[in-house]
C-alpha cells in the first residue's frame, strides 16, 4: 500500500468514527449530555452524562396509566449509544428523590432520526401482577423538551 492510499484510508477511518460518535455527542444535534427529552406521554428523560457511549441520567414518568411513579419522582437511567442507535433502562425500584419503589424495570431500544430530530423507541416493562411477572410493550418518540435547558 502506498503512502497516499494509507493516508486516505486513515483519514476516512478517522472521519467515519468521528461522524458516527457525533450523532449522540451533539455534533449532529444528537444525544449529548445535559439534554432533556420528552415523549408523547409527557415523560421526561434527562441525560446528565455521555461518556464514550455510556449514558446516565434520570427519568420522570408522565404516564397516568403508570400511577406508581409520580411526575416529580426521579428514577435512575442508564444506557448505551452506538452511532445513532440507543438502548436505555430505568429501574423503578430505586427512586433518586424519595419516590415510591415501584418494583419494575423498563427498557427502551431505538434510534435517533436526524430528519425529525426524534429518538424513536420501542419499550418493554416488566412488573409484578399478583403472584406472577407481566411484560408489556409499547413505543415512545422523544423530542427535545427544552433545547436550552441544563
Protein backbone atom coordinates (compact mmCIF):
# COMPACT_ATOMS: atom_id res chain seq x y z
CA UNK A 1 0.00 0.00 0.00
CA UNK A 2 1.48 3.34 -0.97
CA UNK A 3 1.61 6.36 1.35
CA UNK A 4 -1.26 8.20 -0.38
CA UNK A 5 -3.59 5.20 -0.13
CA UNK A 6 -2.65 4.67 3.51
CA UNK A 7 -3.19 8.37 4.29
CA UNK A 8 -6.61 8.38 2.57
CA UNK A 9 -7.65 5.16 4.32
CA UNK A 10 -6.71 6.51 7.75
CA UNK A 11 -8.40 9.85 7.05
CA UNK A 12 -11.65 8.11 6.04
CA UNK A 13 -11.49 5.82 9.07
CA UNK A 14 -10.97 8.72 11.48
CA UNK A 15 -13.69 10.79 9.79
CA UNK A 16 -16.08 7.83 9.91
CA UNK A 17 -15.54 7.21 13.63
CA UNK A 18 -15.90 10.91 14.47
CA UNK A 19 -19.08 11.14 12.41
CA UNK A 20 -20.62 8.01 13.96
CA UNK A 21 -19.93 9.21 17.51
CA UNK A 22 -21.19 12.68 16.62
CA UNK A 23 -24.85 11.77 16.32
CA UNK A 24 -25.14 11.14 20.02
CA UNK A 25 -22.44 13.53 21.22
CA UNK A 26 -24.07 16.69 19.91
CA UNK A 27 -22.11 17.18 16.66
CA UNK A 28 -25.25 16.49 14.64
CA UNK A 29 -27.84 17.65 17.16
CA UNK A 30 -28.00 14.23 18.81
CA UNK A 31 -27.86 12.93 22.33
CA UNK A 32 -25.21 14.91 24.15
CA UNK A 33 -25.02 15.18 27.91
CA UNK A 34 -27.13 17.79 29.65
CA UNK A 35 -30.11 17.38 27.37
CA UNK A 36 -33.78 16.96 28.25
CA UNK A 37 -36.10 14.86 26.08
CA UNK A 38 -39.87 14.45 26.35
CA UNK A 39 -42.14 11.76 24.90
CA UNK A 40 -45.75 11.97 23.78
CA UNK A 41 -46.88 10.66 27.19
CA UNK A 42 -45.31 13.70 28.90
CA UNK A 43 -42.48 11.67 30.49
CA UNK A 44 -39.09 13.35 30.70
CA UNK A 45 -35.66 11.78 30.10
CA UNK A 46 -32.68 13.81 31.29
CA UNK A 47 -29.23 12.78 30.08
CA UNK A 48 -26.62 14.01 32.55
CA UNK A 49 -23.56 12.22 31.14
CA UNK A 50 -22.48 10.63 27.87
CA UNK A 51 -19.03 9.16 28.35
CA UNK A 52 -17.78 7.10 25.42
CA UNK A 53 -21.28 5.94 24.55
CA UNK A 54 -22.46 5.19 28.11
CA UNK A 55 -25.29 7.50 29.13
CA UNK A 56 -26.61 8.18 32.62
CA UNK A 57 -29.30 10.43 33.96
CA UNK A 58 -32.81 10.19 35.30
CA UNK A 59 -36.35 9.61 34.08
CA UNK A 60 -39.60 11.17 35.26
CA UNK A 61 -42.87 9.39 34.49
CA UNK A 62 -45.69 11.36 32.91
CA UNK A 63 -47.95 8.41 32.01
CA UNK A 64 -51.13 8.36 34.09
CA UNK A 65 -51.53 4.62 33.41
CA UNK A 66 -48.33 4.01 35.42
CA UNK A 67 -49.57 5.65 38.61
CA UNK A 68 -46.86 4.34 40.94
CA UNK A 69 -44.23 6.85 39.78
CA UNK A 70 -45.31 10.47 40.03
CA UNK A 71 -44.06 13.24 37.70
CA UNK A 72 -41.93 14.80 40.47
CA UNK A 73 -40.16 11.49 41.18
CA UNK A 74 -36.79 10.84 39.54
CA UNK A 75 -35.61 7.30 38.72
CA UNK A 76 -32.11 6.33 37.59
CA UNK A 77 -31.49 5.91 33.87
CA UNK A 78 -28.54 4.11 32.29
CA UNK A 79 -27.93 3.20 28.70
CA UNK A 80 -25.66 2.99 25.71
CA UNK A 81 -25.42 4.68 22.34
CA UNK A 82 -23.74 3.40 19.19
CA UNK A 83 -23.74 5.85 16.28
CA UNK A 84 -27.46 6.76 16.04
CA UNK A 85 -28.69 3.69 17.98
CA UNK A 86 -29.70 3.83 21.64
CA UNK A 87 -30.75 1.47 24.39
CA UNK A 88 -31.51 2.57 27.96
CA UNK A 89 -33.29 1.32 31.03
CA UNK A 90 -34.98 2.73 34.11
CA UNK A 91 -35.10 0.94 37.47
CA UNK A 92 -38.42 1.94 39.03
CA UNK A 93 -37.42 0.31 42.35
CA UNK A 94 -34.69 2.88 43.13
CA UNK A 95 -36.14 6.40 43.29
CA UNK A 96 -33.47 9.11 43.47
CA UNK A 97 -35.50 11.69 45.37
CA UNK A 98 -37.73 9.76 47.79
CA UNK A 99 -40.41 8.48 45.40
CA UNK A 100 -42.09 5.09 45.65
CA UNK A 101 -40.41 1.75 45.00
CA UNK A 102 -42.50 0.61 42.02
CA UNK A 103 -40.72 -2.75 41.74
CA UNK A 104 -40.41 -2.77 37.96
CA UNK A 105 -37.93 -2.24 35.13
CA UNK A 106 -38.38 -0.65 31.71
CA UNK A 107 -36.02 -0.78 28.76
CA UNK A 108 -36.17 1.26 25.55
CA UNK A 109 -34.40 0.39 22.29
CA UNK A 110 -34.32 2.67 19.28
CA UNK A 111 -32.52 5.20 17.16
CA UNK A 112 -32.07 8.93 16.65
CA UNK A 113 -33.80 10.13 13.48
CA UNK A 114 -31.97 13.30 12.35
CA UNK A 115 -34.65 14.27 9.81
CA UNK A 116 -37.32 14.56 12.53
CA UNK A 117 -34.88 15.26 15.41
CA UNK A 118 -36.60 12.50 17.39
CA UNK A 119 -35.48 9.42 19.25
CA UNK A 120 -37.78 6.62 18.04
CA UNK A 121 -38.09 3.72 20.53
CA UNK A 122 -39.87 0.51 21.43
CA UNK A 123 -40.12 -0.35 25.13
CA UNK A 124 -40.72 -3.31 27.44
CA UNK A 125 -41.76 -3.04 31.07
CA UNK A 126 -41.72 -5.95 33.49
CA UNK A 127 -43.70 -5.73 36.72
CA UNK A 128 -45.33 -7.93 39.34
CA UNK A 129 -49.02 -8.61 38.76
CA UNK A 130 -50.47 -10.64 41.60
CA UNK A 131 -48.12 -13.56 42.08
CA UNK A 132 -46.52 -13.53 38.62
CA UNK A 133 -44.45 -11.18 36.48
CA UNK A 134 -46.01 -9.46 33.48
CA UNK A 135 -44.35 -7.86 30.44
CA UNK A 136 -46.00 -5.05 28.49
CA UNK A 137 -44.69 -3.47 25.29
CA UNK A 138 -45.15 -0.16 23.56
CA UNK A 139 -43.40 2.64 21.73
CA UNK A 140 -42.29 6.19 22.51
CA UNK A 141 -40.92 9.01 20.39
CA UNK A 142 -38.77 11.53 22.25
CA UNK A 143 -38.22 15.15 21.17
CA UNK A 144 -36.02 17.79 22.77
CA UNK A 145 -38.10 19.15 25.65
CA UNK A 146 -36.07 22.24 26.20
CA UNK A 147 -33.19 22.92 23.82
CA UNK A 148 -31.62 25.43 26.21
CA UNK A 149 -32.27 23.51 29.46
CA UNK A 150 -29.40 22.46 31.71
